[in-house]
PDB file of all heavy atoms in Angstrom:
ATOM      1  N   VAL A   1       0.835  -1.198   0.000  1.00  0.00           N
ATOM      2  CA  VAL A   1       0.000   0.000   0.000  1.00  0.00           C
ATOM      3  C   VAL A   1       0.874   1.255   0.000  1.00  0.00           C
ATOM      4  O   VAL A   1       0.595   2.224  -0.705  1.00  0.00           O
ATOM      5  CB  VAL A   1      -0.983  -0.013   1.187  1.00  0.00           C
ATOM      6  CG1 VAL A   1      -1.652   1.328   1.372  1.00  0.00           C
ATOM      7  CG2 VAL A   1      -2.033  -1.112   1.000  1.00  0.00           C
ATOM      8  N   ALA A   2       1.967   1.240   0.759  1.00  0.00           N
ATOM      9  CA  ALA A   2       2.881   2.385   0.796  1.00  0.00           C
ATOM     10  C   ALA A   2       3.421   2.681  -0.602  1.00  0.00           C
ATOM     11  O   ALA A   2       3.581   3.846  -0.979  1.00  0.00           O
ATOM     12  CB  ALA A   2       4.025   2.135   1.776  1.00  0.00           C
ATOM     13  N   GLY A   3       3.693   1.641  -1.370  1.00  0.00           N
ATOM     14  CA  GLY A   3       4.143   1.835  -2.747  1.00  0.00           C
ATOM     15  C   GLY A   3       3.101   2.576  -3.576  1.00  0.00           C
ATOM     16  O   GLY A   3       3.431   3.439  -4.397  1.00  0.00           O
ATOM     17  N   LEU A   4       1.824   2.251  -3.339  1.00  0.00           N
ATOM     18  CA  LEU A   4       0.753   2.953  -4.047  1.00  0.00           C
ATOM     19  C   LEU A   4       0.645   4.393  -3.581  1.00  0.00           C
ATOM     20  O   LEU A   4       0.359   5.291  -4.379  1.00  0.00           O
ATOM     21  CB  LEU A   4      -0.575   2.221  -3.858  1.00  0.00           C
ATOM     22  CG  LEU A   4      -0.652   0.838  -4.504  1.00  0.00           C
ATOM     23  CD1 LEU A   4      -1.959   0.149  -4.134  1.00  0.00           C
ATOM     24  CD2 LEU A   4      -0.487   0.925  -6.008  1.00  0.00           C
ATOM     25  N   PHE A   5       0.869   4.632  -2.288  1.00  0.00           N
ATOM     26  CA  PHE A   5       0.873   6.004  -1.786  1.00  0.00           C
ATOM     27  C   PHE A   5       1.947   6.809  -2.507  1.00  0.00           C
ATOM     28  O   PHE A   5       1.722   7.948  -2.909  1.00  0.00           O
ATOM     29  CB  PHE A   5       1.141   6.053  -0.282  1.00  0.00           C
ATOM     30  CG  PHE A   5       0.049   5.495   0.591  1.00  0.00           C
ATOM     31  CD1 PHE A   5       0.341   5.094   1.885  1.00  0.00           C
ATOM     32  CD2 PHE A   5      -1.263   5.381   0.163  1.00  0.00           C
ATOM     33  CE1 PHE A   5      -0.636   4.604   2.729  1.00  0.00           C
ATOM     34  CE2 PHE A   5      -2.257   4.876   0.985  1.00  0.00           C
ATOM     35  CZ  PHE A   5      -1.946   4.492   2.278  1.00  0.00           C
ATOM     36  N   GLU A   6       3.129   6.212  -2.658  1.00  0.00           N
ATOM     37  CA  GLU A   6       4.235   6.906  -3.317  1.00  0.00           C
ATOM     38  C   GLU A   6       3.895   7.255  -4.759  1.00  0.00           C
ATOM     39  O   GLU A   6       4.270   8.317  -5.245  1.00  0.00           O
ATOM     40  CB  GLU A   6       5.498   6.055  -3.261  1.00  0.00           C
ATOM     41  CG  GLU A   6       6.081   5.951  -1.870  1.00  0.00           C
ATOM     42  CD  GLU A   6       7.227   4.956  -1.768  1.00  0.00           C
ATOM     43  OE1 GLU A   6       7.614   4.356  -2.797  1.00  0.00           O
ATOM     44  OE2 GLU A   6       7.723   4.775  -0.642  1.00  0.00           O
ATOM     45  N   GLN A   7       3.183   6.354  -5.436  1.00  0.00           N
ATOM     46  CA  GLN A   7       2.793   6.611  -6.824  1.00  0.00           C
ATOM     47  C   GLN A   7       1.737   7.698  -6.910  1.00  0.00           C
ATOM     48  O   GLN A   7       1.677   8.427  -7.910  1.00  0.00           O
ATOM     49  CB  GLN A   7       2.261   5.339  -7.473  1.00  0.00           C
ATOM     50  CG  GLN A   7       3.310   4.276  -7.667  1.00  0.00           C
ATOM     51  CD  GLN A   7       2.715   2.985  -8.187  1.00  0.00           C
ATOM     52  OE1 GLN A   7       1.596   2.955  -8.694  1.00  0.00           O
ATOM     53  NE2 GLN A   7       3.459   1.895  -8.062  1.00  0.00           N
ATOM     54  N   GLY A   8       0.905   7.811  -5.874  1.00  0.00           N
ATOM     55  CA  GLY A   8      -0.100   8.856  -5.822  1.00  0.00           C
ATOM     56  C   GLY A   8      -1.202   8.742  -6.857  1.00  0.00           C
ATOM     57  O   GLY A   8      -1.823   9.742  -7.205  1.00  0.00           O
ATOM     58  N   CYS A   9      -1.451   7.541  -7.351  1.00  0.00           N
ATOM     59  CA  CYS A   9      -2.407   7.406  -8.453  1.00  0.00           C
ATOM     60  C   CYS A   9      -3.779   6.886  -8.032  1.00  0.00           C
ATOM     61  O   CYS A   9      -4.698   6.901  -8.843  1.00  0.00           O
ATOM     62  CB  CYS A   9      -1.819   6.502  -9.531  1.00  0.00           C
ATOM     63  SG  CYS A   9      -1.391   4.861  -8.932  1.00  0.00           S
ATOM     64  N   LEU A  10      -3.943   6.432  -6.794  1.00  0.00           N
ATOM     65  CA  LEU A  10      -5.219   5.858  -6.365  1.00  0.00           C
ATOM     66  C   LEU A  10      -5.732   6.548  -5.105  1.00  0.00           C
ATOM     67  O   LEU A  10      -4.955   6.966  -4.253  1.00  0.00           O
ATOM     68  CB  LEU A  10      -5.070   4.359  -6.082  1.00  0.00           C
ATOM     69  CG  LEU A  10      -4.692   3.462  -7.255  1.00  0.00           C
ATOM     70  CD1 LEU A  10      -4.459   2.039  -6.778  1.00  0.00           C
ATOM     71  CD2 LEU A  10      -5.757   3.481  -8.325  1.00  0.00           C
ATOM     72  N   SER A  11      -7.044   6.623  -4.992  1.00  0.00           N
ATOM     73  CA  SER A  11      -7.665   7.183  -3.796  1.00  0.00           C
ATOM     74  C   SER A  11      -7.674   6.137  -2.679  1.00  0.00           C
ATOM     75  O   SER A  11      -7.455   4.944  -2.924  1.00  0.00           O
ATOM     76  CB  SER A  11      -9.105   7.607  -4.101  1.00  0.00           C
ATOM     77  OG  SER A  11      -9.910   6.456  -4.312  1.00  0.00           O
ATOM     78  N   ASP A  12      -7.977   6.577  -1.477  1.00  0.00           N
ATOM     79  CA  ASP A  12      -8.093   5.644  -0.353  1.00  0.00           C
ATOM     80  C   ASP A  12      -9.156   4.595  -0.628  1.00  0.00           C
ATOM     81  O   ASP A  12      -8.976   3.411  -0.328  1.00  0.00           O
ATOM     82  CB  ASP A  12      -8.418   6.397   0.937  1.00  0.00           C
ATOM     83  CG  ASP A  12      -7.264   7.260   1.426  1.00  0.00           C
ATOM     84  OD1 ASP A  12      -6.167   7.193   0.842  1.00  0.00           O
ATOM     85  OD2 ASP A  12      -7.479   8.005   2.398  1.00  0.00           O
ATOM     86  N   ALA A  13     -10.276   5.007  -1.217  1.00  0.00           N
ATOM     87  CA  ALA A  13     -11.360   4.073  -1.518  1.00  0.00           C
ATOM     88  C   ALA A  13     -10.913   3.022  -2.538  1.00  0.00           C
ATOM     89  O   ALA A  13     -11.218   1.833  -2.389  1.00  0.00           O
ATOM     90  CB  ALA A  13     -12.584   4.824  -2.029  1.00  0.00           C
ATOM     91  N   GLN A  14     -10.173   3.448  -3.556  1.00  0.00           N
ATOM     92  CA  GLN A  14      -9.696   2.509  -4.569  1.00  0.00           C
ATOM     93  C   GLN A  14      -8.712   1.502  -3.973  1.00  0.00           C
ATOM     94  O   GLN A  14      -8.774   0.312  -4.274  1.00  0.00           O
ATOM     95  CB  GLN A  14      -9.037   3.265  -5.720  1.00  0.00           C
ATOM     96  CG  GLN A  14     -10.019   4.060  -6.549  1.00  0.00           C
ATOM     97  CD  GLN A  14      -9.320   4.992  -7.518  1.00  0.00           C
ATOM     98  OE1 GLN A  14      -8.369   5.686  -7.154  1.00  0.00           O
ATOM     99  NE2 GLN A  14      -9.793   5.021  -8.753  1.00  0.00           N
ATOM    100  N   ILE A  15      -7.822   1.981  -3.124  1.00  0.00           N
ATOM    101  CA  ILE A  15      -6.863   1.085  -2.466  1.00  0.00           C
ATOM    102  C   ILE A  15      -7.601   0.132  -1.544  1.00  0.00           C
ATOM    103  O   ILE A  15      -7.312  -1.072  -1.519  1.00  0.00           O
ATOM    104  CB  ILE A  15      -5.795   1.894  -1.706  1.00  0.00           C
ATOM    105  CG1 ILE A  15      -4.917   2.665  -2.695  1.00  0.00           C
ATOM    106  CG2 ILE A  15      -4.945   0.980  -0.824  1.00  0.00           C
ATOM    107  CD1 ILE A  15      -3.981   3.668  -2.057  1.00  0.00           C
ATOM    108  N   GLY A  16      -8.584   0.635  -0.803  1.00  0.00           N
ATOM    109  CA  GLY A  16      -9.366  -0.215   0.080  1.00  0.00           C
ATOM    110  C   GLY A  16     -10.052  -1.339  -0.668  1.00  0.00           C
ATOM    111  O   GLY A  16     -10.031  -2.492  -0.225  1.00  0.00           O
ATOM    112  N   ARG A  17     -10.654  -1.021  -1.806  1.00  0.00           N
ATOM    113  CA  ARG A  17     -11.306  -2.068  -2.608  1.00  0.00           C
ATOM    114  C   ARG A  17     -10.292  -3.081  -3.116  1.00  0.00           C
ATOM    115  O   ARG A  17     -10.542  -4.289  -3.091  1.00  0.00           O
ATOM    116  CB  ARG A  17     -12.056  -1.447  -3.778  1.00  0.00           C
ATOM    117  CG  ARG A  17     -13.383  -0.833  -3.371  1.00  0.00           C
ATOM    118  CD  ARG A  17     -14.227  -0.455  -4.575  1.00  0.00           C
ATOM    119  NE  ARG A  17     -13.619   0.579  -5.410  1.00  0.00           N
ATOM    120  CZ  ARG A  17     -13.754   1.878  -5.229  1.00  0.00           C
ATOM    121  NH1 ARG A  17     -14.450   2.339  -4.208  1.00  0.00           N
ATOM    122  NH2 ARG A  17     -13.184   2.735  -6.054  1.00  0.00           N
ATOM    123  N   ARG A  18      -9.142  -2.598  -3.552  1.00  0.00           N
ATOM    124  CA  ARG A  18      -8.124  -3.500  -4.099  1.00  0.00           C
ATOM    125  C   ARG A  18      -7.642  -4.504  -3.054  1.00  0.00           C
ATOM    126  O   ARG A  18      -7.413  -5.670  -3.361  1.00  0.00           O
ATOM    127  CB  ARG A  18      -6.936  -2.691  -4.626  1.00  0.00           C
ATOM    128  CG  ARG A  18      -5.836  -3.564  -5.201  1.00  0.00           C
ATOM    129  CD  ARG A  18      -4.708  -2.758  -5.745  1.00  0.00           C
ATOM    130  NE  ARG A  18      -5.105  -2.160  -7.008  1.00  0.00           N
ATOM    131  CZ  ARG A  18      -4.257  -1.556  -7.830  1.00  0.00           C
ATOM    132  NH1 ARG A  18      -2.984  -1.453  -7.517  1.00  0.00           N
ATOM    133  NH2 ARG A  18      -4.680  -1.033  -8.961  1.00  0.00           N
ATOM    134  N   PHE A  19      -7.490  -4.049  -1.812  1.00  0.00           N
ATOM    135  CA  PHE A  19      -6.939  -4.911  -0.762  1.00  0.00           C
ATOM    136  C   PHE A  19      -7.998  -5.429   0.214  1.00  0.00           C
ATOM    137  O   PHE A  19      -7.665  -6.065   1.211  1.00  0.00           O
ATOM    138  CB  PHE A  19      -5.842  -4.159   0.005  1.00  0.00           C
ATOM    139  CG  PHE A  19      -4.627  -3.925  -0.839  1.00  0.00           C
ATOM    140  CD1 PHE A  19      -4.455  -2.724  -1.508  1.00  0.00           C
ATOM    141  CD2 PHE A  19      -3.671  -4.911  -0.984  1.00  0.00           C
ATOM    142  CE1 PHE A  19      -3.333  -2.508  -2.305  1.00  0.00           C
ATOM    143  CE2 PHE A  19      -2.553  -4.705  -1.773  1.00  0.00           C
ATOM    144  CZ  PHE A  19      -2.385  -3.507  -2.439  1.00  0.00           C
ATOM    145  N   ARG A  20      -9.255  -5.112  -0.078  1.00  0.00           N
ATOM    146  CA  ARG A  20     -10.379  -5.574   0.742  1.00  0.00           C
ATOM    147  C   ARG A  20     -10.259  -5.135   2.202  1.00  0.00           C
ATOM    148  O   ARG A  20     -10.381  -5.927   3.135  1.00  0.00           O
ATOM    149  CB  ARG A  20     -10.534  -7.086   0.650  1.00  0.00           C
ATOM    150  CG  ARG A  20     -10.877  -7.553  -0.734  1.00  0.00           C
ATOM    151  CD  ARG A  20     -11.041  -9.027  -0.786  1.00  0.00           C
ATOM    152  NE  ARG A  20     -11.383  -9.411  -2.156  1.00  0.00           N
ATOM    153  CZ  ARG A  20     -11.406 -10.642  -2.576  1.00  0.00           C
ATOM    154  NH1 ARG A  20     -11.132 -11.625  -1.754  1.00  0.00           N
ATOM    155  NH2 ARG A  20     -11.720 -10.900  -3.812  1.00  0.00           N
ATOM    156  N   VAL A  21      -9.975  -3.864   2.356  1.00  0.00           N
ATOM    157  CA  VAL A  21      -9.937  -3.244   3.684  1.00  0.00           C
ATOM    158  C   VAL A  21     -10.782  -1.974   3.611  1.00  0.00           C
ATOM    159  O   VAL A  21     -11.102  -1.486   2.527  1.00  0.00           O
ATOM    160  CB  VAL A  21      -8.499  -2.913   4.149  1.00  0.00           C
ATOM    161  CG1 VAL A  21      -7.654  -4.173   4.286  1.00  0.00           C
ATOM    162  CG2 VAL A  21      -7.831  -1.925   3.217  1.00  0.00           C
ATOM    163  N   SER A  22     -11.120  -1.434   4.756  1.00  0.00           N
ATOM    164  CA  SER A  22     -11.955  -0.226   4.755  1.00  0.00           C
ATOM    165  C   SER A  22     -11.164   0.997   4.295  1.00  0.00           C
ATOM    166  O   SER A  22      -9.939   1.067   4.443  1.00  0.00           O
ATOM    167  CB  SER A  22     -12.526   0.026   6.148  1.00  0.00           C
ATOM    168  OG  SER A  22     -11.512   0.483   7.011  1.00  0.00           O
ATOM    169  N   ARG A  23     -11.913   1.953   3.755  1.00  0.00           N
ATOM    170  CA  ARG A  23     -11.305   3.208   3.340  1.00  0.00           C
ATOM    171  C   ARG A  23     -10.676   3.913   4.541  1.00  0.00           C
ATOM    172  O   ARG A  23      -9.623   4.525   4.445  1.00  0.00           O
ATOM    173  CB  ARG A  23     -12.374   4.104   2.698  1.00  0.00           C
ATOM    174  CG  ARG A  23     -11.848   5.453   2.254  1.00  0.00           C
ATOM    175  CD  ARG A  23     -12.959   6.393   1.842  1.00  0.00           C
ATOM    176  NE  ARG A  23     -13.943   6.619   2.885  1.00  0.00           N
ATOM    177  CZ  ARG A  23     -13.786   7.460   3.921  1.00  0.00           C
ATOM    178  NH1 ARG A  23     -12.675   8.155   4.040  1.00  0.00           N
ATOM    179  NH2 ARG A  23     -14.728   7.603   4.824  1.00  0.00           N
ATOM    180  N   MET A  24     -11.323   3.789   5.703  1.00  0.00           N
ATOM    181  CA  MET A  24     -10.795   4.433   6.910  1.00  0.00           C
ATOM    182  C   MET A  24      -9.457   3.816   7.324  1.00  0.00           C
ATOM    183  O   MET A  24      -8.571   4.524   7.803  1.00  0.00           O
ATOM    184  CB  MET A  24     -11.803   4.355   8.047  1.00  0.00           C
ATOM    185  CG  MET A  24     -13.028   5.240   7.811  1.00  0.00           C
ATOM    186  SD  MET A  24     -12.619   6.967   7.454  1.00  0.00           S
ATOM    187  CE  MET A  24     -11.893   7.441   8.992  1.00  0.00           C
ATOM    188  N   SER A  25      -9.299   2.506   7.160  1.00  0.00           N
ATOM    189  CA  SER A  25      -7.998   1.881   7.460  1.00  0.00           C
ATOM    190  C   SER A  25      -6.930   2.445   6.541  1.00  0.00           C
ATOM    191  O   SER A  25      -5.827   2.786   6.978  1.00  0.00           O
ATOM    192  CB  SER A  25      -8.075   0.362   7.304  1.00  0.00           C
ATOM    193  OG  SER A  25      -8.831  -0.201   8.339  1.00  0.00           O
TER     194      SER A  25
END
């Protein structure tokens, strides 16, 4: 997930769906 943060290309909601975790996490 940190790698995705560095890329800056996905929202929290998109990352949450990809990894099956909540947007708040």
